[in-house]
Structures are given as structure tokens and as C-alpha cells.
């Protein structure tokens, strides 16, 4: 059970880091973007052996396509009948963009315009009355409930430092964590509600201990966590 708990820590880590870097809008829109009629080199249905590009390769190509941003998440996706890597990018102003990388050649197929939190809210409001934003705001309000303004400011600072530490990791380390998260999600989905609640409590306690650390200590913790996955 200790091994499972350690692996499932990646789930909370991704959630914390997504919130920390302000990427919640990017994930809310993950499967709602209307992409242009791109043509990749691997049609959906071909052998998985045709996928020659790794996630590290795709994230590297995405950062070359958007040099002022960092690749914070990515996975294989099917777009317009082709297998591609969909990469979420984030710049220092927390504006995010999406990049499609051909899974067979590593070529850049599409780069979206940067999307800010404000513009994303307006866009999503046309479709779902900002339900995703309301859920996110409620979670954050519940988290900060009972804190003084000074405590809230300090906690937000800690979250930002955690996000900055994530973005400062090497592409290899970020990719390793993302792949681990994807693998462990299947295990998480098979757990009972009671088991999930127990793990959530354990992981919440763990990350409450991480947040007060210095920026350098946060980065070291993340690097150590990646090493522990090997």
C-alpha cells in the first residue's frame, strides 16, 4: 500500500501544479478546441509502432515553436483523424497556448494564439456559463476559508513558487512525471471511493508540508520525486 500511495502522489502533484501555474482554463478547454484541418503522418488506426516521437521530443518541439513558454502538460491525442501530441504551453504571464506536434515526424502542425484567463472565461461563458470557472473558484474559496488576507496572500505565493518550480524542471523530468501520472490514473480510477478519500487525505497532508518550503527546496523535492519514480 505504501508503494501505491507514493505512485498516486503524482495525481495530487499534477493537480497542485496545474493550479499553481494557473493552467486550470487550459485543462477545462482540453477537448473543446476546434482545430484547423491539420494533416499528420500517422492516421488513426495504424500500428502504435508508427509513433516515433516521444513526449520529450514533442515537448521540446513545442518549446521551440513557442520560445517564450514552457511545456507543462502533454499527451497523445487524435485530431482530425491523425495521431498527434497535444501540448499545453504556459508563459510567465500565465497565458497558455496549445501546440500540436506530429507523432511520427515531430513537425509542428498547429500553434494556438496565447489565451489569458480573462479571454478564456469569456470564451467558455458563451458555451457553459463559466461552470468550470465557478467550480474552480468554489474550490479555491473553500481552500482559503477561515484564512486572513495575509495568510491567503502567503498561500498564493507558495502555490506560485510550486508552479515555478515545476516549470523550472528539465523537460525530461516534466515528461517523466506526466507519463507517470497517466499510468497511475488507471489505477486511481479502479479504486473505491473510500480508498480514494484515504489517499487524498494522505496526499493533502504531504503537499501542505511541501508548500511552506523555499523555492529552491520545492524544486529539489520535485526533482527527488522524479528520481523516486525510476
C-alpha atoms as a PDB file:
ATOM      1  CA  UNK A   1       0.000   0.000   0.000  1.00  0.00           C
ATOM      2  CA  UNK A   2       2.940   2.355   0.642  1.00  0.00           C
ATOM      3  CA  UNK A   3       4.072   1.911  -2.971  1.00  0.00           C
ATOM      4  CA  UNK A   4       0.586   2.687  -4.264  1.00  0.00           C
ATOM      5  CA  UNK A   5       0.357   5.776  -2.090  1.00  0.00           C
ATOM      6  CA  UNK A   6       3.679   7.032  -3.415  1.00  0.00           C
ATOM      7  CA  UNK A   7       2.630   6.499  -7.000  1.00  0.00           C
ATOM      8  CA  UNK A   8      -0.725   8.143  -6.509  1.00  0.00           C
ATOM      9  CA  UNK A   9       1.086  11.163  -5.123  1.00  0.00           C
ATOM     10  CA  UNK A  10       1.652  12.070  -8.747  1.00  0.00           C
ATOM     11  CA  UNK A  11      -2.081  12.669  -9.123  1.00  0.00           C
ATOM     12  CA  UNK A  12      -2.163  15.308  -6.447  1.00  0.00           C
ATOM     13  CA  UNK A  13       1.123  16.733  -7.683  1.00  0.00           C
ATOM     14  CA  UNK A  14      -0.317  17.362 -11.133  1.00  0.00           C
ATOM     15  CA  UNK A  15      -3.418  18.926  -9.606  1.00  0.00           C
ATOM     16  CA  UNK A  16      -1.388  21.204  -7.353  1.00  0.00           C
ATOM     17  CA  UNK A  17       0.916  22.236 -10.169  1.00  0.00           C
ATOM     18  CA  UNK A  18      -1.932  22.885 -12.602  1.00  0.00           C
ATOM     19  CA  UNK A  19      -3.493  25.236 -10.070  1.00  0.00           C
ATOM     20  CA  UNK A  20      -0.113  26.741  -9.197  1.00  0.00           C
ATOM     21  CA  UNK A  21       0.776  27.744 -12.740  1.00  0.00           C
ATOM     22  CA  UNK A  22      -2.758  28.973 -13.434  1.00  0.00           C
ATOM     23  CA  UNK A  23      -3.411  26.281 -16.028  1.00  0.00           C
ATOM     24  CA  UNK A  24      -6.945  25.377 -14.948  1.00  0.00           C
ATOM     25  CA  UNK A  25      -8.507  27.109 -18.000  1.00  0.00           C
ATOM     26  CA  UNK A  26      -6.227  25.172 -20.334  1.00  0.00           C
ATOM     27  CA  UNK A  27      -7.406  21.859 -18.918  1.00  0.00           C
ATOM     28  CA  UNK A  28     -11.046  22.942 -18.894  1.00  0.00           C
ATOM     29  CA  UNK A  29     -10.741  23.573 -22.637  1.00  0.00           C
ATOM     30  CA  UNK A  30      -8.566  20.493 -23.245  1.00  0.00           C
ATOM     31  CA  UNK A  31     -11.017  18.685 -25.539  1.00  0.00           C
ATOM     32  CA  UNK A  32     -13.132  21.662 -26.606  1.00  0.00           C
ATOM     33  CA  UNK A  33     -10.780  23.387 -29.034  1.00  0.00           C
ATOM     34  CA  UNK A  34     -11.764  23.439 -32.704  1.00  0.00           C
ATOM     35  CA  UNK A  35      -8.512  22.785 -34.540  1.00  0.00           C
ATOM     36  CA  UNK A  36      -7.878  23.546 -38.226  1.00  0.00           C
ATOM     37  CA  UNK A  37      -7.785  20.722 -40.782  1.00  0.00           C
ATOM     38  CA  UNK A  38      -4.278  19.532 -39.931  1.00  0.00           C
ATOM     39  CA  UNK A  39      -2.777  16.501 -41.663  1.00  0.00           C
ATOM     40  CA  UNK A  40      -0.354  14.335 -39.743  1.00  0.00           C
ATOM     41  CA  UNK A  41       1.826  11.439 -40.816  1.00  0.00           C
ATOM     42  CA  UNK A  42       0.048   8.758 -38.733  1.00  0.00           C
ATOM     43  CA  UNK A  43      -3.641   8.111 -39.489  1.00  0.00           C
ATOM     44  CA  UNK A  44      -5.705   6.890 -36.543  1.00  0.00           C
ATOM     45  CA  UNK A  45      -5.776   3.083 -36.573  1.00  0.00           C
ATOM     46  CA  UNK A  46      -2.220   2.481 -37.709  1.00  0.00           C
ATOM     47  CA  UNK A  47       0.147   0.438 -35.558  1.00  0.00           C
ATOM     48  CA  UNK A  48       1.401   2.176 -32.420  1.00  0.00           C
ATOM     49  CA  UNK A  49       4.910   1.364 -33.661  1.00  0.00           C
ATOM     50  CA  UNK A  50       4.424   4.206 -36.129  1.00  0.00           C
ATOM     51  CA  UNK A  51       4.682   6.682 -33.253  1.00  0.00           C
ATOM     52  CA  UNK A  52       8.358   7.579 -33.463  1.00  0.00           C
ATOM     53  CA  UNK A  53       8.313  10.729 -31.362  1.00  0.00           C
ATOM     54  CA  UNK A  54       8.483  10.595 -27.561  1.00  0.00           C
ATOM     55  CA  UNK A  55       6.732  13.014 -25.225  1.00  0.00           C
ATOM     56  CA  UNK A  56      10.125  14.599 -24.506  1.00  0.00           C
ATOM     57  CA  UNK A  57      10.614  15.157 -28.252  1.00  0.00           C
ATOM     58  CA  UNK A  58       7.142  16.646 -28.585  1.00  0.00           C
ATOM     59  CA  UNK A  59       7.563  18.978 -25.601  1.00  0.00           C
ATOM     60  CA  UNK A  60      10.949  20.089 -26.938  1.00  0.00           C
ATOM     61  CA  UNK A  61       9.443  20.836 -30.352  1.00  0.00           C
ATOM     62  CA  UNK A  62       6.599  22.742 -28.710  1.00  0.00           C
ATOM     63  CA  UNK A  63       9.008  24.907 -26.721  1.00  0.00           C
ATOM     64  CA  UNK A  64      10.908  25.642 -29.917  1.00  0.00           C
ATOM     65  CA  UNK A  65       7.622  26.675 -31.549  1.00  0.00           C
ATOM     66  CA  UNK A  66       6.674  28.924 -28.599  1.00  0.00           C
ATOM     67  CA  UNK A  67      10.061  30.025 -27.219  1.00  0.00           C
ATOM     68  CA  UNK A  68       8.643  32.299 -24.513  1.00  0.00           C
ATOM     69  CA  UNK A  69       6.652  29.467 -22.893  1.00  0.00           C
ATOM     70  CA  UNK A  70       7.186  26.187 -21.064  1.00  0.00           C
ATOM     71  CA  UNK A  71       5.506  22.870 -21.872  1.00  0.00           C
ATOM     72  CA  UNK A  72       3.534  21.999 -18.737  1.00  0.00           C
ATOM     73  CA  UNK A  73       1.444  19.065 -19.966  1.00  0.00           C
ATOM     74  CA  UNK A  74       1.016  16.850 -22.981  1.00  0.00           C
ATOM     75  CA  UNK A  75      -0.284  13.545 -24.266  1.00  0.00           C
ATOM     76  CA  UNK A  76      -1.060  11.619 -27.439  1.00  0.00           C
ATOM     77  CA  UNK A  77      -4.387  12.621 -28.976  1.00  0.00           C
ATOM     78  CA  UNK A  78      -6.450  12.023 -32.078  1.00  0.00           C
ATOM     79  CA  UNK A  79      -7.103  15.208 -34.059  1.00  0.00           C
ATOM     80  CA  UNK A  80      -8.854  15.209 -37.427  1.00  0.00           C
ATOM     81  CA  UNK A  81      -8.113  11.523 -37.909  1.00  0.00           C
ATOM     82  CA  UNK A  82      -4.393  11.736 -37.124  1.00  0.00           C
ATOM     83  CA  UNK A  83      -2.298  10.816 -34.084  1.00  0.00           C
ATOM     84  CA  UNK A  84      -0.582  13.869 -32.615  1.00  0.00           C
ATOM     85  CA  UNK A  85       0.859  15.124 -29.367  1.00  0.00           C
ATOM     86  CA  UNK A  86      -1.233  17.859 -27.815  1.00  0.00           C
ATOM     87  CA  UNK A  87       0.979  20.076 -25.645  1.00  0.00           C
ATOM     88  CA  UNK A  88      -0.153  22.817 -23.253  1.00  0.00           C
ATOM     89  CA  UNK A  89       2.248  25.746 -23.042  1.00  0.00           C
ATOM     90  CA  UNK A  90       2.412  28.475 -20.383  1.00  0.00           C
ATOM     91  CA  UNK A  91       4.350  31.770 -20.413  1.00  0.00           C
ATOM     92  CA  UNK A  92       5.474  33.935 -17.494  1.00  0.00           C
ATOM     93  CA  UNK A  93       2.235  35.943 -17.665  1.00  0.00           C
ATOM     94  CA  UNK A  94       0.252  32.696 -17.271  1.00  0.00           C
ATOM     95  CA  UNK A  95      -1.180  32.927 -20.746  1.00  0.00           C
ATOM     96  CA  UNK A  96      -1.451  29.457 -22.215  1.00  0.00           C
ATOM     97  CA  UNK A  97      -1.427  28.100 -25.735  1.00  0.00           C
ATOM     98  CA  UNK A  98      -1.817  24.688 -27.335  1.00  0.00           C
ATOM     99  CA  UNK A  99       0.589  23.102 -29.769  1.00  0.00           C
ATOM    100  CA  UNK A 100       0.006  20.045 -31.956  1.00  0.00           C
ATOM    101  CA  UNK A 101       3.115  18.034 -32.812  1.00  0.00           C
ATOM    102  CA  UNK A 102       3.104  15.244 -35.401  1.00  0.00           C
ATOM    103  CA  UNK A 103       3.625  11.954 -33.532  1.00  0.00           C
ATOM    104  CA  UNK A 104       5.564  10.465 -36.419  1.00  0.00           C
ATOM    105  CA  UNK A 105       7.839  13.295 -37.553  1.00  0.00           C
ATOM    106  CA  UNK A 106       7.943  15.777 -34.678  1.00  0.00           C
ATOM    107  CA  UNK A 107       6.807  18.558 -37.000  1.00  0.00           C
ATOM    108  CA  UNK A 108       4.778  21.445 -35.636  1.00  0.00           C
ATOM    109  CA  UNK A 109       1.229  21.185 -37.006  1.00  0.00           C
ATOM    110  CA  UNK A 110      -0.569  23.949 -35.127  1.00  0.00           C
ATOM    111  CA  UNK A 111       0.072  26.651 -32.536  1.00  0.00           C
ATOM    112  CA  UNK A 112      -2.845  28.496 -30.954  1.00  0.00           C
ATOM    113  CA  UNK A 113      -2.780  32.161 -30.043  1.00  0.00           C
ATOM    114  CA  UNK A 114      -1.977  32.785 -26.360  1.00  0.00           C
ATOM    115  CA  UNK A 115      -5.092  32.679 -24.210  1.00  0.00           C
ATOM    116  CA  UNK A 116      -5.311  34.609 -20.965  1.00  0.00           C
ATOM    117  CA  UNK A 117      -7.513  33.686 -18.025  1.00  0.00           C
ATOM    118  CA  UNK A 118      -9.814  36.604 -18.849  1.00  0.00           C
ATOM    119  CA  UNK A 119     -10.232  35.731 -22.505  1.00  0.00           C
ATOM    120  CA  UNK A 120     -10.730  32.067 -21.636  1.00  0.00           C
ATOM    121  CA  UNK A 121     -13.523  32.925 -19.213  1.00  0.00           C
ATOM    122  CA  UNK A 122     -15.284  34.992 -21.838  1.00  0.00           C
ATOM    123  CA  UNK A 123     -14.941  32.219 -24.414  1.00  0.00           C
ATOM    124  CA  UNK A 124     -16.178  29.460 -22.132  1.00  0.00           C
ATOM    125  CA  UNK A 125     -19.006  31.619 -20.871  1.00  0.00           C
ATOM    126  CA  UNK A 126     -20.529  31.525 -24.345  1.00  0.00           C
ATOM    127  CA  UNK A 127     -20.904  27.747 -24.036  1.00  0.00           C
ATOM    128  CA  UNK A 128     -21.373  26.769 -20.403  1.00  0.00           C
ATOM    129  CA  UNK A 129     -21.938  29.952 -18.378  1.00  0.00           C
ATOM    130  CA  UNK A 130     -18.488  29.644 -16.830  1.00  0.00           C
ATOM    131  CA  UNK A 131     -19.419  26.485 -14.912  1.00  0.00           C
ATOM    132  CA  UNK A 132     -15.789  25.371 -14.898  1.00  0.00           C
ATOM    133  CA  UNK A 133     -14.677  28.717 -13.511  1.00  0.00           C
ATOM    134  CA  UNK A 134     -17.381  28.592 -10.835  1.00  0.00           C
ATOM    135  CA  UNK A 135     -16.259  25.121  -9.732  1.00  0.00           C
ATOM    136  CA  UNK A 136     -12.621  26.248  -9.639  1.00  0.00           C
ATOM    137  CA  UNK A 137     -13.486  29.425  -7.725  1.00  0.00           C
ATOM    138  CA  UNK A 138     -15.530  27.419  -5.212  1.00  0.00           C
ATOM    139  CA  UNK A 139     -12.659  25.004  -4.619  1.00  0.00           C
ATOM    140  CA  UNK A 140     -10.280  27.897  -4.026  1.00  0.00           C
ATOM    141  CA  UNK A 141     -12.749  29.722  -1.763  1.00  0.00           C
ATOM    142  CA  UNK A 142     -13.202  26.548   0.276  1.00  0.00           C
ATOM    143  CA  UNK A 143      -9.426  26.149   0.488  1.00  0.00           C
ATOM    144  CA  UNK A 144      -8.912  29.730   1.729  1.00  0.00           C
ATOM    145  CA  UNK A 145     -11.927  29.682   4.056  1.00  0.00           C
ATOM    146  CA  UNK A 146     -11.050  30.969   7.522  1.00  0.00           C
ATOM    147  CA  UNK A 147      -7.703  32.460   6.468  1.00  0.00           C
ATOM    148  CA  UNK A 148      -6.787  36.104   6.942  1.00  0.00           C
ATOM    149  CA  UNK A 149      -5.933  38.219   3.859  1.00  0.00           C
ATOM    150  CA  UNK A 150      -2.273  37.951   4.822  1.00  0.00           C
ATOM    151  CA  UNK A 151      -2.485  34.162   5.071  1.00  0.00           C
ATOM    152  CA  UNK A 152      -4.248  33.952   1.703  1.00  0.00           C
ATOM    153  CA  UNK A 153      -1.554  36.103   0.085  1.00  0.00           C
ATOM    154  CA  UNK A 154       1.174  33.906   1.567  1.00  0.00           C
ATOM    155  CA  UNK A 155      -0.564  30.723   0.423  1.00  0.00           C
ATOM    156  CA  UNK A 156      -0.953  32.073  -3.124  1.00  0.00           C
ATOM    157  CA  UNK A 157       2.739  32.956  -3.092  1.00  0.00           C
ATOM    158  CA  UNK A 158       3.568  29.392  -2.080  1.00  0.00           C
ATOM    159  CA  UNK A 159       1.417  27.965  -4.869  1.00  0.00           C
ATOM    160  CA  UNK A 160       3.100  30.229  -7.405  1.00  0.00           C
ATOM    161  CA  UNK A 161       6.505  29.084  -6.182  1.00  0.00           C
ATOM    162  CA  UNK A 162       5.411  25.472  -6.600  1.00  0.00           C
ATOM    163  CA  UNK A 163       4.309  26.194 -10.151  1.00  0.00           C
ATOM    164  CA  UNK A 164       7.550  27.998 -10.901  1.00  0.00           C
ATOM    165  CA  UNK A 165       9.490  25.038  -9.507  1.00  0.00           C
ATOM    166  CA  UNK A 166       7.561  22.711 -11.842  1.00  0.00           C
ATOM    167  CA  UNK A 167       8.309  24.871 -14.861  1.00  0.00           C
ATOM    168  CA  UNK A 168      11.985  25.056 -13.889  1.00  0.00           C
ATOM    169  CA  UNK A 169      12.403  21.283 -14.101  1.00  0.00           C
ATOM    170  CA  UNK A 170      14.038  19.810 -17.165  1.00  0.00           C
ATOM    171  CA  UNK A 171      11.786  18.692 -19.997  1.00  0.00           C
ATOM    172  CA  UNK A 172      12.855  15.125 -19.248  1.00  0.00           C
ATOM    173  CA  UNK A 173      11.702  15.404 -15.628  1.00  0.00           C
ATOM    174  CA  UNK A 174       8.404  17.070 -16.554  1.00  0.00           C
ATOM    175  CA  UNK A 175       7.730  14.412 -19.175  1.00  0.00           C
ATOM    176  CA  UNK A 176       8.570  11.601 -16.736  1.00  0.00           C
ATOM    177  CA  UNK A 177       6.087  12.978 -14.212  1.00  0.00           C
ATOM    178  CA  UNK A 178       3.357  13.379 -16.834  1.00  0.00           C
ATOM    179  CA  UNK A 179       3.824   9.838 -18.137  1.00  0.00           C
ATOM    180  CA  UNK A 180       3.766   8.509 -14.582  1.00  0.00           C
ATOM    181  CA  UNK A 181       0.550  10.423 -13.920  1.00  0.00           C
ATOM    182  CA  UNK A 182      -1.110   8.933 -16.991  1.00  0.00           C
ATOM    183  CA  UNK A 183      -0.122   5.406 -15.942  1.00  0.00           C
ATOM    184  CA  UNK A 184      -1.284   5.831 -12.369  1.00  0.00           C
ATOM    185  CA  UNK A 185      -4.611   7.398 -13.335  1.00  0.00           C
ATOM    186  CA  UNK A 186      -5.801   3.985 -14.454  1.00  0.00           C
ATOM    187  CA  UNK A 187      -5.056   2.614 -11.003  1.00  0.00           C
ATOM    188  CA  UNK A 188      -6.779   5.563  -9.363  1.00  0.00           C
ATOM    189  CA  UNK A 189      -9.939   5.043 -11.423  1.00  0.00           C
ATOM    190  CA  UNK A 190     -10.165   1.433 -10.217  1.00  0.00           C
ATOM    191  CA  UNK A 191     -10.073   2.329  -6.516  1.00  0.00           C
ATOM    192  CA  UNK A 192     -13.119   2.534  -4.269  1.00  0.00           C
ATOM    193  CA  UNK A 193     -14.396   5.887  -3.010  1.00  0.00           C
ATOM    194  CA  UNK A 194     -13.152   5.040   0.488  1.00  0.00           C
ATOM    195  CA  UNK A 195      -9.657   4.284  -0.801  1.00  0.00           C
ATOM    196  CA  UNK A 196      -9.646   7.497  -2.817  1.00  0.00           C
ATOM    197  CA  UNK A 197     -10.693   9.566   0.206  1.00  0.00           C
ATOM    198  CA  UNK A 198      -7.930   7.985   2.299  1.00  0.00           C
ATOM    199  CA  UNK A 199      -5.273   8.675  -0.324  1.00  0.00           C
ATOM    200  CA  UNK A 200      -6.498  12.225  -0.883  1.00  0.00           C
ATOM    201  CA  UNK A 201      -6.120  12.924   2.836  1.00  0.00           C
ATOM    202  CA  UNK A 202      -2.620  11.460   2.891  1.00  0.00           C
ATOM    203  CA  UNK A 203      -1.540  13.415  -0.177  1.00  0.00           C
ATOM    204  CA  UNK A 204      -3.105  16.648   1.060  1.00  0.00           C
ATOM    205  CA  UNK A 205      -1.046  16.374   4.227  1.00  0.00           C
ATOM    206  CA  UNK A 206       2.084  15.701   2.172  1.00  0.00           C
ATOM    207  CA  UNK A 207       1.668  18.759  -0.017  1.00  0.00           C
ATOM    208  CA  UNK A 208       0.775  21.000   2.897  1.00  0.00           C
ATOM    209  CA  UNK A 209       4.266  20.152   4.128  1.00  0.00           C
ATOM    210  CA  UNK A 210       5.766  20.970   0.713  1.00  0.00           C
ATOM    211  CA  UNK A 211       4.178  24.387   0.229  1.00  0.00           C
ATOM    212  CA  UNK A 212       5.990  26.321   3.027  1.00  0.00           C
ATOM    213  CA  UNK A 213       9.399  25.256   1.704  1.00  0.00           C
ATOM    214  CA  UNK A 214      11.676  27.749  -0.041  1.00  0.00           C
ATOM    215  CA  UNK A 215      11.597  27.885  -3.869  1.00  0.00           C
ATOM    216  CA  UNK A 216      14.901  26.013  -4.004  1.00  0.00           C
ATOM    217  CA  UNK A 217      13.632  23.338  -1.623  1.00  0.00           C
ATOM    218  CA  UNK A 218      10.423  22.954  -3.637  1.00  0.00           C
ATOM    219  CA  UNK A 219      12.403  22.339  -6.809  1.00  0.00           C
ATOM    220  CA  UNK A 220      14.644  19.848  -5.024  1.00  0.00           C
ATOM    221  CA  UNK A 221      11.602  17.992  -3.690  1.00  0.00           C
ATOM    222  CA  UNK A 222      10.170  17.713  -7.194  1.00  0.00           C
ATOM    223  CA  UNK A 223      13.478  16.520  -8.615  1.00  0.00           C
ATOM    224  CA  UNK A 224      13.756  13.936  -5.858  1.00  0.00           C
ATOM    225  CA  UNK A 225      10.211  12.804  -6.534  1.00  0.00           C
ATOM    226  CA  UNK A 226      11.017  12.234 -10.197  1.00  0.00           C
ATOM    227  CA  UNK A 227      14.120  10.232  -9.215  1.00  0.00           C
ATOM    228  CA  UNK A 228      11.967   8.084  -6.929  1.00  0.00           C
ATOM    229  CA  UNK A 229       9.864   7.040  -9.920  1.00  0.00           C
ATOM    230  CA  UNK A 230      12.778   5.180 -11.515  1.00  0.00           C
END
